[in-house]
Amino acid sequence: MEQRRIFSLSLFIMLLMGGLGLSPVLAQTVFYQNIETVKIATSADGTAINYYEHGQEGPVLVFVHGWSCDASYWREQVEYFKEKYHVVLIDLAGHGRSMSDRENYTMEAFGQDVNAVVESIGSEKVILIGHSMGALVIAEAARLMPEKAIGLVAVDDLQNVEYPLGEEQLKEMTTPFKEDFKEGVRGFVLSMLRSDNSPVNEWVISDMSLADPGVALSAINGSLGGYLTGDVARLFDGLDLPVVAVNADLWPTDVEANRRHIKDFELIELDGLDHFLMLKAPERFNPALEQAVKMILKK
């Protein structure tokens, strides 16, 4: 974590010298400095989970980041939502400020992290919002709190809960991380980005490449492994709540496949964006996310 801090400060100076003004690195730093309330919940295995609150009134929105990210990836959503909603952002175990020595970073364990936070804030009803891998995490969390979770919002995920991932494909996807983690992350993230010269692109690659390789490899095997075994589809078979996906159109979303397992599934698709749409186009993403939230609240 100290390495990440030093690297981020160095990159910040470099970007400012390049004339980019308010860089993504500075935005991340400001995010952690401006947090209104920092609290800690204890997950089922005893791990301390840092979470951050903004606003206290209105429906509770719990934001969960994706693979090798942290709560700051939601920084462009805080100001938009905190006036009308109780915003809660989480650093999952092994990410951001939530240190952990877990051996296995499974979706089930991450779901316990989210459940612990919801128990800690004491809310009776919550909407869970998850980006990328975070969509599977919030589904696991919803399974643990059927009376509290009133809906899920997946952000650029759940393109197909039936996706037929094979063992060889999984191996091809994960081997680069074992051979050279930073280069593996670069290639992986580039496949999820549009070539639009956004300063966010290089920042995301640089930031995610500083993740703990052990945590990252365990987590990606845990998330993708669910498609290999069919557990992802079965997970949603067991849930009875509305799910809305707010997805970019970089990859197609198979609505019909999802509806075979999700009783109430809706899609909001944003054209021309990519996997990090909440960072790169908040002016389009935030209203779409609020639309998804309102769809759930009307159920």
C-alpha atoms as a PDB file:
ATOM      1  CA  MET A   1       0.000   0.000   0.000  1.00  0.00           C
ATOM      2  CA  GLU A   2       2.922   2.338   0.736  1.00  0.00           C
ATOM      3  CA  GLN A   3       4.340   1.480  -2.680  1.00  0.00           C
ATOM      4  CA  ARG A   4       1.016   2.448  -4.250  1.00  0.00           C
ATOM      5  CA  ARG A   5       1.023   5.788  -2.400  1.00  0.00           C
ATOM      6  CA  ILE A   6       4.565   6.698  -3.461  1.00  0.00           C
ATOM      7  CA  PHE A   7       3.924   5.654  -7.038  1.00  0.00           C
ATOM      8  CA  SER A   8       0.685   7.640  -7.180  1.00  0.00           C
ATOM      9  CA  LEU A   9       2.392  10.795  -5.898  1.00  0.00           C
ATOM     10  CA  SER A  10       5.134  10.449  -8.497  1.00  0.00           C
ATOM     11  CA  LEU A  11       2.636   9.904 -11.275  1.00  0.00           C
ATOM     12  CA  PHE A  12       0.628  12.894 -10.041  1.00  0.00           C
ATOM     13  CA  ILE A  13       3.660  15.183 -10.371  1.00  0.00           C
ATOM     14  CA  MET A  14       4.391  13.814 -13.816  1.00  0.00           C
ATOM     15  CA  LEU A  15       0.842  14.393 -15.016  1.00  0.00           C
ATOM     16  CA  LEU A  16       0.723  17.933 -13.679  1.00  0.00           C
ATOM     17  CA  MET A  17       3.994  18.707 -15.425  1.00  0.00           C
ATOM     18  CA  GLY A  18       2.387  17.397 -18.581  1.00  0.00           C
ATOM     19  CA  GLY A  19      -0.269  20.058 -18.336  1.00  0.00           C
ATOM     20  CA  LEU A  20      -3.222  17.755 -17.695  1.00  0.00           C
ATOM     21  CA  GLY A  21      -4.468  19.792 -14.731  1.00  0.00           C
ATOM     22  CA  LEU A  22      -6.636  17.808 -12.322  1.00  0.00           C
ATOM     23  CA  SER A  23      -5.266  14.338 -12.997  1.00  0.00           C
ATOM     24  CA  PRO A  24      -7.008  11.085 -12.075  1.00  0.00           C
ATOM     25  CA  VAL A  25      -4.292  10.545  -9.461  1.00  0.00           C
ATOM     26  CA  LEU A  26      -5.131  13.851  -7.788  1.00  0.00           C
ATOM     27  CA  ALA A  27      -8.823  12.981  -7.960  1.00  0.00           C
ATOM     28  CA  GLN A  28      -8.127   9.711  -6.144  1.00  0.00           C
ATOM     29  CA  THR A  29      -6.133  11.528  -3.461  1.00  0.00           C
ATOM     30  CA  VAL A  30      -8.856  14.140  -3.010  1.00  0.00           C
ATOM     31  CA  PHE A  31     -11.459  11.375  -2.731  1.00  0.00           C
ATOM     32  CA  TYR A  32      -9.823   9.859   0.334  1.00  0.00           C
ATOM     33  CA  GLN A  33      -9.122  13.282   1.858  1.00  0.00           C
ATOM     34  CA  ASN A  34     -12.733  14.439   1.496  1.00  0.00           C
ATOM     35  CA  ILE A  35     -14.486  11.393   2.918  1.00  0.00           C
ATOM     36  CA  GLU A  36     -17.120  12.597   5.374  1.00  0.00           C
ATOM     37  CA  THR A  37     -17.210   9.493   7.577  1.00  0.00           C
ATOM     38  CA  VAL A  38     -14.755   6.578   7.794  1.00  0.00           C
ATOM     39  CA  LYS A  39     -15.894   3.471   9.632  1.00  0.00           C
ATOM     40  CA  ILE A  40     -14.788  -0.134  10.003  1.00  0.00           C
ATOM     41  CA  ALA A  41     -16.940  -3.253   9.912  1.00  0.00           C
ATOM     42  CA  THR A  42     -15.737  -6.723  10.841  1.00  0.00           C
ATOM     43  CA  SER A  43     -16.288  -9.389   8.207  1.00  0.00           C
ATOM     44  CA  ALA A  44     -17.197 -12.989   9.023  1.00  0.00           C
ATOM     45  CA  ASP A  45     -13.534 -14.071   9.109  1.00  0.00           C
ATOM     46  CA  GLY A  46     -12.488 -11.165  11.326  1.00  0.00           C
ATOM     47  CA  THR A  47     -11.121  -8.963   8.525  1.00  0.00           C
ATOM     48  CA  ALA A  48     -11.516  -5.225   9.136  1.00  0.00           C
ATOM     49  CA  ILE A  49     -13.428  -3.673   6.234  1.00  0.00           C
ATOM     50  CA  ASN A  50     -13.096   0.071   5.698  1.00  0.00           C
ATOM     51  CA  TYR A  51     -16.167   1.849   4.421  1.00  0.00           C
ATOM     52  CA  TYR A  52     -16.986   5.471   3.758  1.00  0.00           C
ATOM     53  CA  GLU A  53     -20.271   7.333   4.123  1.00  0.00           C
ATOM     54  CA  HIS A  54     -21.600  10.487   2.492  1.00  0.00           C
ATOM     55  CA  GLY A  55     -25.021  11.923   3.225  1.00  0.00           C
ATOM     56  CA  GLN A  56     -27.393  10.397   5.755  1.00  0.00           C
ATOM     57  CA  GLU A  57     -30.840  10.883   4.249  1.00  0.00           C
ATOM     58  CA  GLY A  58     -32.734   8.961   1.615  1.00  0.00           C
ATOM     59  CA  PRO A  59     -32.396   5.425   0.248  1.00  0.00           C
ATOM     60  CA  VAL A  60     -29.129   3.638   1.022  1.00  0.00           C
ATOM     61  CA  LEU A  61     -26.849   2.975  -1.951  1.00  0.00           C
ATOM     62  CA  VAL A  62     -23.920   0.633  -1.276  1.00  0.00           C
ATOM     63  CA  PHE A  63     -21.179   0.878  -3.919  1.00  0.00           C
ATOM     64  CA  VAL A  64     -18.801  -2.064  -4.455  1.00  0.00           C
ATOM     65  CA  HIS A  65     -15.723  -1.758  -6.658  1.00  0.00           C
ATOM     66  CA  GLY A  66     -14.348  -4.280  -9.112  1.00  0.00           C
ATOM     67  CA  TRP A  67     -11.256  -6.433  -9.449  1.00  0.00           C
ATOM     68  CA  SER A  68      -8.022  -4.783  -8.253  1.00  0.00           C
ATOM     69  CA  CYS A  69      -9.806  -1.458  -7.739  1.00  0.00           C
ATOM     70  CA  ASP A  70     -11.008   0.353  -4.600  1.00  0.00           C
ATOM     71  CA  ALA A  71     -13.711   2.696  -3.352  1.00  0.00           C
ATOM     72  CA  SER A  72     -12.146   5.694  -5.103  1.00  0.00           C
ATOM     73  CA  TYR A  73     -13.291   4.362  -8.471  1.00  0.00           C
ATOM     74  CA  TRP A  74     -16.733   5.679  -7.465  1.00  0.00           C
ATOM     75  CA  ARG A  75     -15.442   9.200  -6.762  1.00  0.00           C
ATOM     76  CA  GLU A  76     -17.384  10.764  -9.640  1.00  0.00           C
ATOM     77  CA  GLN A  77     -20.652   9.513  -8.168  1.00  0.00           C
ATOM     78  CA  VAL A  78     -20.380  10.889  -4.620  1.00  0.00           C
ATOM     79  CA  GLU A  79     -21.346  14.527  -5.214  1.00  0.00           C
ATOM     80  CA  TYR A  80     -24.165  13.585  -7.562  1.00  0.00           C
ATOM     81  CA  PHE A  81     -25.855  11.136  -5.209  1.00  0.00           C
ATOM     82  CA  LYS A  82     -25.068  12.270  -1.673  1.00  0.00           C
ATOM     83  CA  GLU A  83     -27.688  15.029  -1.514  1.00  0.00           C
ATOM     84  CA  LYS A  84     -30.604  12.649  -2.098  1.00  0.00           C
ATOM     85  CA  TYR A  85     -29.185   9.309  -1.002  1.00  0.00           C
ATOM     86  CA  HIS A  86     -27.161   7.765   1.802  1.00  0.00           C
ATOM     87  CA  VAL A  87     -23.995   6.809  -0.078  1.00  0.00           C
ATOM     88  CA  VAL A  88     -21.802   4.002   1.272  1.00  0.00           C
ATOM     89  CA  LEU A  89     -18.556   3.016  -0.458  1.00  0.00           C
ATOM     90  CA  ILE A  90     -16.538  -0.068   0.470  1.00  0.00           C
ATOM     91  CA  ASP A  91     -12.929  -1.168   0.196  1.00  0.00           C
ATOM     92  CA  LEU A  92     -13.217  -4.949  -0.062  1.00  0.00           C
ATOM     93  CA  ALA A  93     -10.699  -7.100   1.812  1.00  0.00           C
ATOM     94  CA  GLY A  94      -7.239  -6.814   0.271  1.00  0.00           C
ATOM     95  CA  HIS A  95      -8.179  -3.645  -1.612  1.00  0.00           C
ATOM     96  CA  GLY A  96      -7.776   0.053  -0.851  1.00  0.00           C
ATOM     97  CA  ARG A  97      -7.417   0.550   2.887  1.00  0.00           C
ATOM     98  CA  SER A  98      -8.837  -2.836   3.909  1.00  0.00           C
ATOM     99  CA  MET A  99      -5.777  -4.920   4.719  1.00  0.00           C
ATOM    100  CA  SER A 100      -6.234  -8.695   4.740  1.00  0.00           C
ATOM    101  CA  ASP A 101      -4.285 -11.933   5.018  1.00  0.00           C
ATOM    102  CA  ARG A 102      -6.961 -14.198   3.578  1.00  0.00           C
ATOM    103  CA  GLU A 103      -5.756 -17.239   1.713  1.00  0.00           C
ATOM    104  CA  ASN A 104      -8.664 -17.237  -0.742  1.00  0.00           C
ATOM    105  CA  TYR A 105     -10.401 -14.137  -2.069  1.00  0.00           C
ATOM    106  CA  THR A 106     -13.695 -15.671  -3.112  1.00  0.00           C
ATOM    107  CA  MET A 107     -16.885 -13.944  -4.172  1.00  0.00           C
ATOM    108  CA  GLU A 108     -18.554 -15.494  -1.142  1.00  0.00           C
ATOM    109  CA  ALA A 109     -15.977 -13.948   1.213  1.00  0.00           C
ATOM    110  CA  PHE A 110     -16.310 -10.554  -0.484  1.00  0.00           C
ATOM    111  CA  GLY A 111     -20.074 -10.912  -0.099  1.00  0.00           C
ATOM    112  CA  GLN A 112     -19.504 -11.351   3.630  1.00  0.00           C
ATOM    113  CA  ASP A 113     -17.549  -8.068   3.592  1.00  0.00           C
ATOM    114  CA  VAL A 114     -20.531  -6.250   2.112  1.00  0.00           C
ATOM    115  CA  ASN A 115     -22.930  -7.962   4.489  1.00  0.00           C
ATOM    116  CA  ALA A 116     -20.807  -6.845   7.452  1.00  0.00           C
ATOM    117  CA  VAL A 117     -20.938  -3.228   6.275  1.00  0.00           C
ATOM    118  CA  VAL A 118     -24.712  -3.308   5.814  1.00  0.00           C
ATOM    119  CA  GLU A 119     -25.064  -4.777   9.302  1.00  0.00           C
ATOM    120  CA  SER A 120     -22.780  -2.054  10.651  1.00  0.00           C
ATOM    121  CA  ILE A 121     -24.724   0.857   9.147  1.00  0.00           C
ATOM    122  CA  GLY A 122     -27.952  -0.627  10.495  1.00  0.00           C
ATOM    123  CA  SER A 123     -30.087  -0.009   7.424  1.00  0.00           C
ATOM    124  CA  GLU A 124     -33.193  -2.085   6.864  1.00  0.00           C
ATOM    125  CA  LYS A 125     -33.304  -1.639   3.082  1.00  0.00           C
ATOM    126  CA  VAL A 126     -30.389  -1.155   0.685  1.00  0.00           C
ATOM    127  CA  ILE A 127     -29.656  -1.119  -3.018  1.00  0.00           C
ATOM    128  CA  LEU A 128     -26.343  -2.773  -3.849  1.00  0.00           C
ATOM    129  CA  ILE A 129     -24.309  -1.416  -6.768  1.00  0.00           C
ATOM    130  CA  GLY A 130     -21.333  -3.365  -8.114  1.00  0.00           C
ATOM    131  CA  HIS A 131     -18.868  -2.637 -10.904  1.00  0.00           C
ATOM    132  CA  SER A 132     -17.406  -5.548 -12.878  1.00  0.00           C
ATOM    133  CA  MET A 133     -16.450  -8.293 -10.394  1.00  0.00           C
ATOM    134  CA  GLY A 134     -18.408  -6.272  -7.849  1.00  0.00           C
ATOM    135  CA  ALA A 135     -21.630  -7.392  -9.552  1.00  0.00           C
ATOM    136  CA  LEU A 136     -20.955 -10.974  -8.467  1.00  0.00           C
ATOM    137  CA  VAL A 137     -19.960  -9.752  -5.014  1.00  0.00           C
ATOM    138  CA  ILE A 138     -23.246  -7.924  -4.488  1.00  0.00           C
ATOM    139  CA  ALA A 139     -25.179 -10.974  -5.676  1.00  0.00           C
ATOM    140  CA  GLU A 140     -23.417 -13.039  -3.010  1.00  0.00           C
ATOM    141  CA  ALA A 141     -24.167 -10.310  -0.472  1.00  0.00           C
ATOM    142  CA  ALA A 142     -27.844 -10.228  -1.461  1.00  0.00           C
ATOM    143  CA  ARG A 143     -28.048 -13.964  -0.818  1.00  0.00           C
ATOM    144  CA  LEU A 144     -26.956 -13.255   2.755  1.00  0.00           C
ATOM    145  CA  MET A 145     -29.464 -10.439   3.326  1.00  0.00           C
ATOM    146  CA  PRO A 146     -32.676 -11.316   1.458  1.00  0.00           C
ATOM    147  CA  GLU A 147     -34.777  -9.060   3.679  1.00  0.00           C
ATOM    148  CA  LYS A 148     -32.526  -6.021   3.295  1.00  0.00           C
ATOM    149  CA  ALA A 149     -31.351  -6.029  -0.323  1.00  0.00           C
ATOM    150  CA  ILE A 150     -34.207  -4.650  -2.423  1.00  0.00           C
ATOM    151  CA  GLY A 151     -32.322  -4.582  -5.725  1.00  0.00           C
ATOM    152  CA  LEU A 152     -28.992  -4.887  -7.486  1.00  0.00           C
ATOM    153  CA  VAL A 153     -27.346  -2.630 -10.050  1.00  0.00           C
ATOM    154  CA  ALA A 154     -24.550  -4.200 -12.085  1.00  0.00           C
ATOM    155  CA  VAL A 155     -22.202  -1.715 -13.726  1.00  0.00           C
ATOM    156  CA  ASP A 156     -20.694  -3.043 -16.951  1.00  0.00           C
ATOM    157  CA  ASP A 157     -21.140  -6.658 -15.970  1.00  0.00           C
ATOM    158  CA  LEU A 158     -23.650  -9.500 -16.272  1.00  0.00           C
ATOM    159  CA  GLN A 159     -23.374  -9.441 -20.056  1.00  0.00           C
ATOM    160  CA  ASN A 160     -24.328 -13.127 -19.927  1.00  0.00           C
ATOM    161  CA  VAL A 161     -24.671 -15.103 -16.696  1.00  0.00           C
ATOM    162  CA  GLU A 162     -24.608 -18.276 -18.832  1.00  0.00           C
ATOM    163  CA  TYR A 163     -21.280 -17.398 -20.475  1.00  0.00           C
ATOM    164  CA  PRO A 164     -19.678 -20.754 -21.408  1.00  0.00           C
ATOM    165  CA  LEU A 165     -16.152 -20.162 -20.131  1.00  0.00           C
ATOM    166  CA  GLY A 166     -13.845 -23.127 -20.711  1.00  0.00           C
ATOM    167  CA  GLU A 167     -10.799 -24.257 -18.746  1.00  0.00           C
ATOM    168  CA  GLU A 168      -8.389 -23.387 -21.557  1.00  0.00           C
ATOM    169  CA  GLN A 169      -9.890 -19.922 -21.936  1.00  0.00           C
ATOM    170  CA  LEU A 170      -9.592 -19.327 -18.200  1.00  0.00           C
ATOM    171  CA  LYS A 171      -5.966 -20.448 -18.325  1.00  0.00           C
ATOM    172  CA  GLU A 172      -5.238 -18.113 -21.244  1.00  0.00           C
ATOM    173  CA  MET A 173      -6.751 -15.211 -19.325  1.00  0.00           C
ATOM    174  CA  THR A 174      -4.887 -15.805 -16.059  1.00  0.00           C
ATOM    175  CA  THR A 175      -1.459 -17.023 -17.222  1.00  0.00           C
ATOM    176  CA  PRO A 176      -0.195 -13.508 -18.138  1.00  0.00           C
ATOM    177  CA  PHE A 177      -0.704 -12.397 -14.525  1.00  0.00           C
ATOM    178  CA  LYS A 178       1.542 -15.208 -13.312  1.00  0.00           C
ATOM    179  CA  GLU A 179       4.285 -14.506 -15.847  1.00  0.00           C
ATOM    180  CA  ASP A 180       4.474 -10.705 -15.454  1.00  0.00           C
ATOM    181  CA  PHE A 181       1.737  -9.240 -13.311  1.00  0.00           C
ATOM    182  CA  LYS A 182       2.032  -5.609 -14.391  1.00  0.00           C
ATOM    183  CA  GLU A 183       2.173  -6.437 -18.083  1.00  0.00           C
ATOM    184  CA  GLY A 184      -0.664  -8.894 -17.623  1.00  0.00           C
ATOM    185  CA  VAL A 185      -2.799  -6.184 -16.045  1.00  0.00           C
ATOM    186  CA  ARG A 186      -1.930  -3.763 -18.843  1.00  0.00           C
ATOM    187  CA  GLY A 187      -3.074  -6.171 -21.535  1.00  0.00           C
ATOM    188  CA  PHE A 188      -6.181  -7.160 -19.601  1.00  0.00           C
ATOM    189  CA  VAL A 189      -7.286  -3.582 -18.917  1.00  0.00           C
ATOM    190  CA  LEU A 190      -6.526  -2.389 -22.444  1.00  0.00           C
ATOM    191  CA  SER A 191      -8.991  -4.982 -23.738  1.00  0.00           C
ATOM    192  CA  MET A 192     -11.706  -3.207 -21.730  1.00  0.00           C
ATOM    193  CA  LEU A 193     -10.911   0.351 -22.849  1.00  0.00           C
ATOM    194  CA  ARG A 194     -11.653   2.350 -25.956  1.00  0.00           C
ATOM    195  CA  SER A 195      -8.742   4.148 -27.600  1.00  0.00           C
ATOM    196  CA  ASP A 196      -9.962   7.636 -26.779  1.00  0.00           C
ATOM    197  CA  ASN A 197      -6.794   9.199 -25.293  1.00  0.00           C
ATOM    198  CA  SER A 198      -8.519   9.740 -21.958  1.00  0.00           C
ATOM    199  CA  PRO A 199      -6.050  10.319 -19.083  1.00  0.00           C
ATOM    200  CA  VAL A 200      -8.188   7.869 -17.115  1.00  0.00           C
ATOM    201  CA  ASN A 201      -6.939   5.009 -19.293  1.00  0.00           C
ATOM    202  CA  GLU A 202      -3.298   5.133 -18.253  1.00  0.00           C
ATOM    203  CA  TRP A 203      -4.193   5.915 -14.656  1.00  0.00           C
ATOM    204  CA  VAL A 204      -6.435   2.842 -14.388  1.00  0.00           C
ATOM    205  CA  ILE A 205      -3.705   0.627 -15.841  1.00  0.00           C
ATOM    206  CA  SER A 206      -1.065   2.099 -13.517  1.00  0.00           C
ATOM    207  CA  ASP A 207      -3.267   1.926 -10.429  1.00  0.00           C
ATOM    208  CA  MET A 208      -4.540  -1.604 -10.982  1.00  0.00           C
ATOM    209  CA  SER A 209      -1.047  -2.900 -11.747  1.00  0.00           C
ATOM    210  CA  LEU A 210      -0.069  -1.957  -8.179  1.00  0.00           C
ATOM    211  CA  ALA A 211      -2.562  -4.406  -6.698  1.00  0.00           C
ATOM    212  CA  ASP A 212      -1.250  -7.310  -4.638  1.00  0.00           C
ATOM    213  CA  PRO A 213      -0.655 -10.076  -7.227  1.00  0.00           C
ATOM    214  CA  GLY A 214      -1.687 -12.828  -4.821  1.00  0.00           C
ATOM    215  CA  VAL A 215      -4.967 -11.126  -3.985  1.00  0.00           C
ATOM    216  CA  ALA A 216      -5.619 -10.300  -7.628  1.00  0.00           C
ATOM    217  CA  LEU A 217      -4.977 -13.808  -8.941  1.00  0.00           C
ATOM    218  CA  SER A 218      -7.114 -15.399  -6.244  1.00  0.00           C
ATOM    219  CA  ALA A 219      -9.955 -12.952  -6.884  1.00  0.00           C
ATOM    220  CA  ILE A 220      -9.955 -13.326 -10.656  1.00  0.00           C
ATOM    221  CA  ASN A 221      -9.987 -17.097 -10.367  1.00  0.00           C
ATOM    222  CA  GLY A 222     -12.864 -16.775  -7.924  1.00  0.00           C
ATOM    223  CA  SER A 223     -14.904 -14.515 -10.183  1.00  0.00           C
ATOM    224  CA  LEU A 224     -14.254 -16.189 -13.538  1.00  0.00           C
ATOM    225  CA  GLY A 225     -14.379 -19.650 -12.015  1.00  0.00           C
ATOM    226  CA  GLY A 226     -18.076 -19.165 -11.385  1.00  0.00           C
ATOM    227  CA  TYR A 227     -18.667 -19.074 -15.137  1.00  0.00           C
ATOM    228  CA  LEU A 228     -16.586 -22.207 -15.609  1.00  0.00           C
ATOM    229  CA  THR A 229     -18.720 -24.165 -13.145  1.00  0.00           C
ATOM    230  CA  GLY A 230     -22.079 -22.564 -13.887  1.00  0.00           C
ATOM    231  CA  ASP A 231     -22.240 -21.201 -10.343  1.00  0.00           C
ATOM    232  CA  VAL A 232     -22.915 -17.652 -11.559  1.00  0.00           C
ATOM    233  CA  ALA A 233     -26.173 -18.656 -13.233  1.00  0.00           C
ATOM    234  CA  ARG A 234     -27.142 -20.757 -10.219  1.00  0.00           C
ATOM    235  CA  LEU A 235     -26.410 -17.842  -7.891  1.00  0.00           C
ATOM    236  CA  PHE A 236     -28.945 -15.681  -9.702  1.00  0.00           C
ATOM    237  CA  ASP A 237     -31.409 -18.570  -9.882  1.00  0.00           C
ATOM    238  CA  GLY A 238     -31.569 -18.344  -6.110  1.00  0.00           C
ATOM    239  CA  LEU A 239     -32.229 -14.606  -5.886  1.00  0.00           C
ATOM    240  CA  ASP A 240     -35.639 -12.976  -5.952  1.00  0.00           C
ATOM    241  CA  LEU A 241     -35.078  -9.257  -6.474  1.00  0.00           C
ATOM    242  CA  PRO A 242     -34.827  -6.835  -9.398  1.00  0.00           C
ATOM    243  CA  VAL A 243     -31.494  -6.506 -11.182  1.00  0.00           C
ATOM    244  CA  VAL A 244     -30.623  -3.642 -13.517  1.00  0.00           C
ATOM    245  CA  ALA A 245     -27.423  -3.577 -15.561  1.00  0.00           C
ATOM    246  CA  VAL A 246     -25.971  -0.222 -16.597  1.00  0.00           C
ATOM    247  CA  ASN A 247     -23.575  -1.335 -19.300  1.00  0.00           C
ATOM    248  CA  ALA A 248     -21.402   0.164 -21.993  1.00  0.00           C
ATOM    249  CA  ASP A 249     -21.888  -1.223 -25.488  1.00  0.00           C
ATOM    250  CA  LEU A 250     -18.278  -2.390 -25.807  1.00  0.00           C
ATOM    251  CA  TRP A 251     -19.580  -5.950 -25.386  1.00  0.00           C
ATOM    252  CA  PRO A 252     -23.144  -7.098 -26.132  1.00  0.00           C
ATOM    253  CA  THR A 253     -25.465  -7.974 -23.254  1.00  0.00           C
ATOM    254  CA  ASP A 254     -27.546 -11.119 -23.717  1.00  0.00           C
ATOM    255  CA  VAL A 255     -30.770 -10.011 -22.072  1.00  0.00           C
ATOM    256  CA  GLU A 256     -32.629 -13.227 -22.836  1.00  0.00           C
ATOM    257  CA  ALA A 257     -29.911 -15.437 -21.338  1.00  0.00           C
ATOM    258  CA  ASN A 258     -29.944 -13.318 -18.195  1.00  0.00           C
ATOM    259  CA  ARG A 259     -33.725 -13.470 -17.910  1.00  0.00           C
ATOM    260  CA  ARG A 260     -33.590 -17.253 -17.847  1.00  0.00           C
ATOM    261  CA  HIS A 261     -31.946 -16.919 -14.423  1.00  0.00           C
ATOM    262  CA  ILE A 262     -32.857 -13.442 -13.174  1.00  0.00           C
ATOM    263  CA  LYS A 263     -36.588 -13.081 -12.584  1.00  0.00           C
ATOM    264  CA  ASP A 264     -36.588  -9.298 -13.076  1.00  0.00           C
ATOM    265  CA  PHE A 265     -33.710  -8.123 -15.285  1.00  0.00           C
ATOM    266  CA  GLU A 266     -33.475  -4.806 -17.124  1.00  0.00           C
ATOM    267  CA  LEU A 267     -30.694  -3.270 -19.199  1.00  0.00           C
ATOM    268  CA  ILE A 268     -29.663   0.364 -19.592  1.00  0.00           C
ATOM    269  CA  GLU A 269     -27.012   0.531 -22.308  1.00  0.00           C
ATOM    270  CA  LEU A 270     -24.756   3.523 -22.940  1.00  0.00           C
ATOM    271  CA  ASP A 271     -23.278   3.664 -26.411  1.00  0.00           C
ATOM    272  CA  GLY A 272     -19.688   4.611 -27.159  1.00  0.00           C
ATOM    273  CA  LEU A 273     -18.392   3.994 -23.623  1.00  0.00           C
ATOM    274  CA  ASP A 274     -16.212   1.299 -22.090  1.00  0.00           C
ATOM    275  CA  HIS A 275     -15.663  -0.684 -18.897  1.00  0.00           C
ATOM    276  CA  PHE A 276     -14.776   2.343 -16.755  1.00  0.00           C
ATOM    277  CA  LEU A 277     -17.780   4.418 -17.808  1.00  0.00           C
ATOM    278  CA  MET A 278     -18.419   5.716 -14.269  1.00  0.00           C
ATOM    279  CA  LEU A 279     -15.003   7.426 -14.319  1.00  0.00           C
ATOM    280  CA  LYS A 280     -14.784   8.437 -17.958  1.00  0.00           C
ATOM    281  CA  ALA A 281     -18.307   9.744 -18.594  1.00  0.00           C
ATOM    282  CA  PRO A 282     -19.987  10.552 -15.258  1.00  0.00           C
ATOM    283  CA  GLU A 283     -22.184  13.156 -16.943  1.00  0.00           C
ATOM    284  CA  ARG A 284     -23.872  10.300 -18.823  1.00  0.00           C
ATOM    285  CA  PHE A 285     -23.389   7.507 -16.331  1.00  0.00           C
ATOM    286  CA  ASN A 286     -24.774   9.196 -13.206  1.00  0.00           C
ATOM    287  CA  PRO A 287     -28.245   9.925 -14.629  1.00  0.00           C
ATOM    288  CA  ALA A 288     -28.361   6.368 -16.002  1.00  0.00           C
ATOM    289  CA  LEU A 289     -27.431   4.947 -12.611  1.00  0.00           C
ATOM    290  CA  GLU A 290     -30.080   7.080 -10.932  1.00  0.00           C
ATOM    291  CA  GLN A 291     -32.598   5.808 -13.467  1.00  0.00           C
ATOM    292  CA  ALA A 292     -31.668   2.252 -12.457  1.00  0.00           C
ATOM    293  CA  VAL A 293     -32.043   3.122  -8.775  1.00  0.00           C
ATOM    294  CA  LYS A 294     -35.480   4.654  -9.365  1.00  0.00           C
ATOM    295  CA  MET A 295     -36.574   1.590 -11.343  1.00  0.00           C
ATOM    296  CA  ILE A 296     -35.764  -0.554  -8.308  1.00  0.00           C
ATOM    297  CA  LEU A 297     -37.419   1.823  -5.839  1.00  0.00           C
ATOM    298  CA  LYS A 298     -40.655   1.673  -7.849  1.00  0.00           C
ATOM    299  CA  LYS A 299     -40.874  -2.127  -7.537  1.00  0.00           C
END
